[in-house]
Amino acid sequence: MSSLLKSSPTTSNDDLVERGQNRYKQRLASIFEPSHLGEFVAVEPDSGQYFLGSTASAALVAAHAALPNNLFYLTRVGRETAHTVGGHATRIR
C-alpha cells in the first residue's frame, strides 16, 4: 500500500501511513484516478503536497527535492498497493 522515503523516531510509520492513506482517499483519489491510473504519487500527509511520477523513484525523488526534510506516503494511483512481489500484493515500508 505504501512506502516511506525515510523514517523518523518521532513519527510512527503506521501513523504516517494512516495519515497518508486518509489524505489520498479523501482529497486526491478523485482527482488522479480518472487520468493517472498506474502512476505513483508521493504525498506529504500534513501539508497535502503531492508529487506524481511514472515510477515510484521518480515520485519520491521529486518529493525529496522539494521537501528534503519531510516524510512521504507513496501509493500507486488506482491500486491497493504500490508494488507486487511474486504476483502477490505486499506492503512496502
N, C-alpha and C. Protein backbone atom coordinates (compact mmCIF):
# COMPACT_ATOMS: atom_id res chain seq x y z
N MET A 1 0.79 -1.18 0.00
CA MET A 1 0.00 0.00 0.00
C MET A 1 0.84 1.25 0.00
N SER A 2 2.01 1.19 0.63
CA SER A 2 2.72 2.42 0.80
C SER A 2 4.20 2.20 0.92
N SER A 3 4.91 3.28 0.86
CA SER A 3 6.34 3.26 1.09
C SER A 3 6.70 4.57 1.75
N LEU A 4 7.73 4.55 2.54
CA LEU A 4 8.19 5.75 3.20
C LEU A 4 9.53 6.13 2.60
N LEU A 5 9.73 7.41 2.35
CA LEU A 5 11.01 7.87 1.84
C LEU A 5 12.08 7.70 2.91
N LYS A 6 11.77 8.06 4.12
CA LYS A 6 12.66 7.88 5.25
C LYS A 6 11.81 7.86 6.50
N SER A 7 12.35 7.39 7.58
CA SER A 7 11.56 7.35 8.81
C SER A 7 12.19 8.26 9.86
N SER A 8 11.41 8.58 10.84
CA SER A 8 11.85 9.47 11.91
C SER A 8 11.44 8.84 13.23
N PRO A 9 12.29 8.91 14.26
CA PRO A 9 11.93 8.32 15.54
C PRO A 9 10.71 8.97 16.17
N THR A 10 10.41 10.22 15.80
CA THR A 10 9.29 10.90 16.42
C THR A 10 7.97 10.63 15.70
N THR A 11 8.02 10.02 14.53
CA THR A 11 6.81 9.74 13.77
C THR A 11 6.70 8.24 13.55
N SER A 12 5.64 7.65 14.05
CA SER A 12 5.41 6.24 13.85
C SER A 12 5.11 5.99 12.38
N ASN A 13 5.70 4.94 11.81
CA ASN A 13 5.44 4.60 10.41
C ASN A 13 3.97 4.31 10.18
N ASP A 14 3.33 3.59 11.11
CA ASP A 14 1.91 3.29 10.95
C ASP A 14 1.07 4.55 10.94
N ASP A 15 1.42 5.52 11.76
CA ASP A 15 0.70 6.79 11.80
C ASP A 15 0.87 7.54 10.48
N LEU A 16 2.08 7.55 9.96
CA LEU A 16 2.34 8.22 8.68
C LEU A 16 1.54 7.56 7.56
N VAL A 17 1.52 6.24 7.55
CA VAL A 17 0.75 5.51 6.53
C VAL A 17 -0.73 5.84 6.65
N GLU A 18 -1.25 5.82 7.85
CA GLU A 18 -2.67 6.12 8.06
C GLU A 18 -3.02 7.54 7.60
N ARG A 19 -2.20 8.50 7.98
CA ARG A 19 -2.45 9.89 7.58
C ARG A 19 -2.32 10.06 6.07
N GLY A 20 -1.34 9.39 5.48
CA GLY A 20 -1.16 9.46 4.03
C GLY A 20 -2.32 8.82 3.28
N GLN A 21 -2.76 7.66 3.74
CA GLN A 21 -3.91 6.99 3.11
C GLN A 21 -5.15 7.86 3.20
N ASN A 22 -5.38 8.43 4.36
CA ASN A 22 -6.55 9.29 4.53
C ASN A 22 -6.49 10.50 3.61
N ARG A 23 -5.34 11.14 3.52
CA ARG A 23 -5.19 12.31 2.66
C ARG A 23 -5.44 11.91 1.20
N TYR A 24 -4.87 10.79 0.78
CA TYR A 24 -5.04 10.34 -0.60
C TYR A 24 -6.51 10.02 -0.89
N LYS A 25 -7.12 9.20 -0.04
CA LYS A 25 -8.50 8.76 -0.29
C LYS A 25 -9.49 9.92 -0.25
N GLN A 26 -9.33 10.83 0.72
CA GLN A 26 -10.30 11.91 0.91
C GLN A 26 -10.14 13.05 -0.08
N ARG A 27 -8.92 13.32 -0.53
CA ARG A 27 -8.73 14.53 -1.34
C ARG A 27 -8.10 14.30 -2.70
N LEU A 28 -7.32 13.24 -2.86
CA LEU A 28 -6.56 13.12 -4.10
C LEU A 28 -7.05 12.03 -5.05
N ALA A 29 -7.61 10.96 -4.53
CA ALA A 29 -8.03 9.84 -5.38
C ALA A 29 -8.97 10.29 -6.49
N SER A 30 -9.95 11.10 -6.16
CA SER A 30 -10.92 11.53 -7.16
C SER A 30 -10.30 12.43 -8.23
N ILE A 31 -9.20 13.08 -7.90
CA ILE A 31 -8.50 13.92 -8.87
C ILE A 31 -7.64 13.07 -9.80
N PHE A 32 -6.90 12.11 -9.24
CA PHE A 32 -5.92 11.36 -10.02
C PHE A 32 -6.48 10.14 -10.75
N GLU A 33 -7.46 9.46 -10.16
CA GLU A 33 -7.88 8.18 -10.72
C GLU A 33 -8.51 8.26 -12.11
N PRO A 34 -9.16 9.34 -12.48
CA PRO A 34 -9.68 9.37 -13.85
C PRO A 34 -8.60 9.40 -14.94
N SER A 35 -7.44 10.03 -14.65
CA SER A 35 -6.49 10.22 -15.74
C SER A 35 -5.04 9.83 -15.44
N HIS A 36 -4.76 9.31 -14.25
CA HIS A 36 -3.38 8.97 -13.89
C HIS A 36 -3.25 7.53 -13.39
N LEU A 37 -4.12 6.64 -13.83
CA LEU A 37 -4.07 5.25 -13.37
C LEU A 37 -2.70 4.63 -13.60
N GLY A 38 -2.20 3.96 -12.57
CA GLY A 38 -0.92 3.27 -12.66
C GLY A 38 0.28 4.13 -12.33
N GLU A 39 0.12 5.45 -12.29
CA GLU A 39 1.23 6.31 -11.90
C GLU A 39 1.41 6.25 -10.38
N PHE A 40 2.52 6.76 -9.92
CA PHE A 40 2.81 6.79 -8.49
C PHE A 40 2.65 8.21 -7.97
N VAL A 41 2.23 8.30 -6.72
CA VAL A 41 2.11 9.61 -6.08
C VAL A 41 2.70 9.53 -4.68
N ALA A 42 3.60 10.48 -4.40
CA ALA A 42 4.18 10.63 -3.07
C ALA A 42 3.45 11.80 -2.42
N VAL A 43 2.89 11.55 -1.25
CA VAL A 43 2.07 12.55 -0.56
C VAL A 43 2.71 12.91 0.77
N GLU A 44 2.85 14.20 1.02
CA GLU A 44 3.26 14.67 2.33
C GLU A 44 1.96 14.85 3.10
N PRO A 45 1.69 13.98 4.08
CA PRO A 45 0.36 13.92 4.70
C PRO A 45 -0.11 15.19 5.41
N ASP A 46 0.79 15.94 6.01
CA ASP A 46 0.36 17.10 6.77
C ASP A 46 -0.03 18.28 5.88
N SER A 47 0.78 18.57 4.88
CA SER A 47 0.50 19.71 4.00
C SER A 47 -0.40 19.33 2.84
N GLY A 48 -0.39 18.05 2.48
CA GLY A 48 -1.15 17.61 1.32
C GLY A 48 -0.41 17.78 0.01
N GLN A 49 0.83 18.29 0.06
CA GLN A 49 1.60 18.40 -1.17
C GLN A 49 1.82 17.02 -1.74
N TYR A 50 1.81 16.92 -3.06
CA TYR A 50 1.96 15.63 -3.71
C TYR A 50 2.85 15.75 -4.94
N PHE A 51 3.42 14.62 -5.33
CA PHE A 51 4.36 14.57 -6.43
C PHE A 51 4.07 13.31 -7.24
N LEU A 52 3.66 13.48 -8.49
CA LEU A 52 3.36 12.37 -9.38
C LEU A 52 4.61 11.94 -10.12
N GLY A 53 4.67 10.64 -10.43
CA GLY A 53 5.77 10.13 -11.24
C GLY A 53 5.35 8.87 -11.95
N SER A 54 5.98 8.57 -13.07
CA SER A 54 5.67 7.34 -13.79
C SER A 54 6.26 6.12 -13.08
N THR A 55 7.23 6.36 -12.19
CA THR A 55 7.79 5.31 -11.35
C THR A 55 7.77 5.77 -9.91
N ALA A 56 7.91 4.81 -9.00
CA ALA A 56 7.97 5.16 -7.57
C ALA A 56 9.17 6.05 -7.31
N SER A 57 10.29 5.71 -7.91
CA SER A 57 11.50 6.51 -7.71
C SER A 57 11.32 7.94 -8.18
N ALA A 58 10.70 8.13 -9.33
CA ALA A 58 10.50 9.48 -9.86
C ALA A 58 9.64 10.32 -8.91
N ALA A 59 8.58 9.73 -8.39
CA ALA A 59 7.71 10.47 -7.46
C ALA A 59 8.46 10.82 -6.18
N LEU A 60 9.23 9.88 -5.65
CA LEU A 60 9.95 10.12 -4.40
C LEU A 60 11.12 11.07 -4.57
N VAL A 61 11.81 11.00 -5.71
CA VAL A 61 12.91 11.94 -5.96
C VAL A 61 12.38 13.36 -6.05
N ALA A 62 11.27 13.56 -6.76
CA ALA A 62 10.66 14.89 -6.86
C ALA A 62 10.21 15.39 -5.49
N ALA A 63 9.61 14.50 -4.70
CA ALA A 63 9.14 14.87 -3.37
C ALA A 63 10.31 15.28 -2.48
N HIS A 64 11.35 14.47 -2.50
CA HIS A 64 12.51 14.76 -1.66
C HIS A 64 13.23 16.04 -2.10
N ALA A 65 13.27 16.30 -3.40
CA ALA A 65 13.91 17.53 -3.90
C ALA A 65 13.16 18.77 -3.41
N ALA A 66 11.84 18.69 -3.37
CA ALA A 66 11.03 19.83 -2.94
C ALA A 66 10.99 19.98 -1.42
N LEU A 67 10.93 18.86 -0.72
CA LEU A 67 10.79 18.86 0.74
C LEU A 67 11.77 17.87 1.35
N PRO A 68 13.06 18.21 1.37
CA PRO A 68 14.09 17.24 1.76
C PRO A 68 14.02 16.74 3.20
N ASN A 69 13.33 17.44 4.07
CA ASN A 69 13.26 17.03 5.47
C ASN A 69 11.95 16.39 5.86
N ASN A 70 11.11 16.10 4.88
CA ASN A 70 9.78 15.56 5.17
C ASN A 70 9.69 14.07 4.85
N LEU A 71 8.64 13.47 5.39
CA LEU A 71 8.33 12.06 5.15
C LEU A 71 7.17 11.99 4.16
N PHE A 72 7.11 10.92 3.38
CA PHE A 72 6.09 10.80 2.34
C PHE A 72 5.41 9.45 2.36
N TYR A 73 4.15 9.46 2.01
CA TYR A 73 3.36 8.26 1.79
C TYR A 73 3.34 8.04 0.29
N LEU A 74 3.68 6.83 -0.15
CA LEU A 74 3.72 6.50 -1.57
C LEU A 74 2.65 5.50 -1.90
N THR A 75 1.89 5.78 -2.95
CA THR A 75 0.90 4.82 -3.41
C THR A 75 0.85 4.86 -4.93
N ARG A 76 0.20 3.87 -5.49
CA ARG A 76 0.01 3.80 -6.93
C ARG A 76 -1.44 4.14 -7.22
N VAL A 77 -1.65 5.07 -8.10
CA VAL A 77 -2.99 5.56 -8.41
C VAL A 77 -3.85 4.43 -8.96
N GLY A 78 -5.01 4.23 -8.31
CA GLY A 78 -5.96 3.22 -8.76
C GLY A 78 -5.65 1.81 -8.33
N ARG A 79 -4.66 1.63 -7.46
CA ARG A 79 -4.26 0.30 -7.00
C ARG A 79 -4.30 0.25 -5.48
N GLU A 80 -4.46 -0.95 -4.95
CA GLU A 80 -4.46 -1.12 -3.49
C GLU A 80 -3.05 -1.08 -2.92
N THR A 81 -2.05 -1.42 -3.73
CA THR A 81 -0.67 -1.44 -3.26
C THR A 81 0.21 -0.70 -4.25
N ALA A 82 1.37 -0.26 -3.78
CA ALA A 82 2.30 0.42 -4.66
C ALA A 82 3.04 -0.58 -5.55
N HIS A 83 3.34 -1.78 -5.00
CA HIS A 83 4.10 -2.78 -5.73
C HIS A 83 3.56 -4.18 -5.44
N THR A 84 3.86 -5.11 -6.33
CA THR A 84 3.58 -6.51 -6.06
C THR A 84 4.88 -7.30 -6.18
N VAL A 85 4.97 -8.38 -5.43
CA VAL A 85 6.13 -9.26 -5.45
C VAL A 85 5.63 -10.66 -5.68
N GLY A 86 6.13 -11.33 -6.70
CA GLY A 86 5.73 -12.70 -6.98
C GLY A 86 4.25 -12.86 -7.26
N GLY A 87 3.63 -11.83 -7.80
CA GLY A 87 2.20 -11.91 -8.12
C GLY A 87 1.28 -11.67 -6.95
N HIS A 88 1.86 -11.38 -5.78
CA HIS A 88 1.05 -11.12 -4.59
C HIS A 88 1.30 -9.69 -4.13
N ALA A 89 0.25 -9.03 -3.74
CA ALA A 89 0.39 -7.65 -3.25
C ALA A 89 1.12 -7.67 -1.92
N THR A 90 2.00 -6.71 -1.74
CA THR A 90 2.75 -6.59 -0.47
C THR A 90 2.77 -5.15 -0.02
N ARG A 91 2.94 -4.97 1.27
CA ARG A 91 3.14 -3.64 1.83
C ARG A 91 4.62 -3.38 1.85
N ILE A 92 5.03 -2.25 1.35
CA ILE A 92 6.44 -1.89 1.36
C ILE A 92 6.61 -0.66 2.23
N ARG A 93 7.56 -0.76 3.15
CA ARG A 93 7.84 0.36 4.05
C ARG A 93 9.28 0.74 3.96
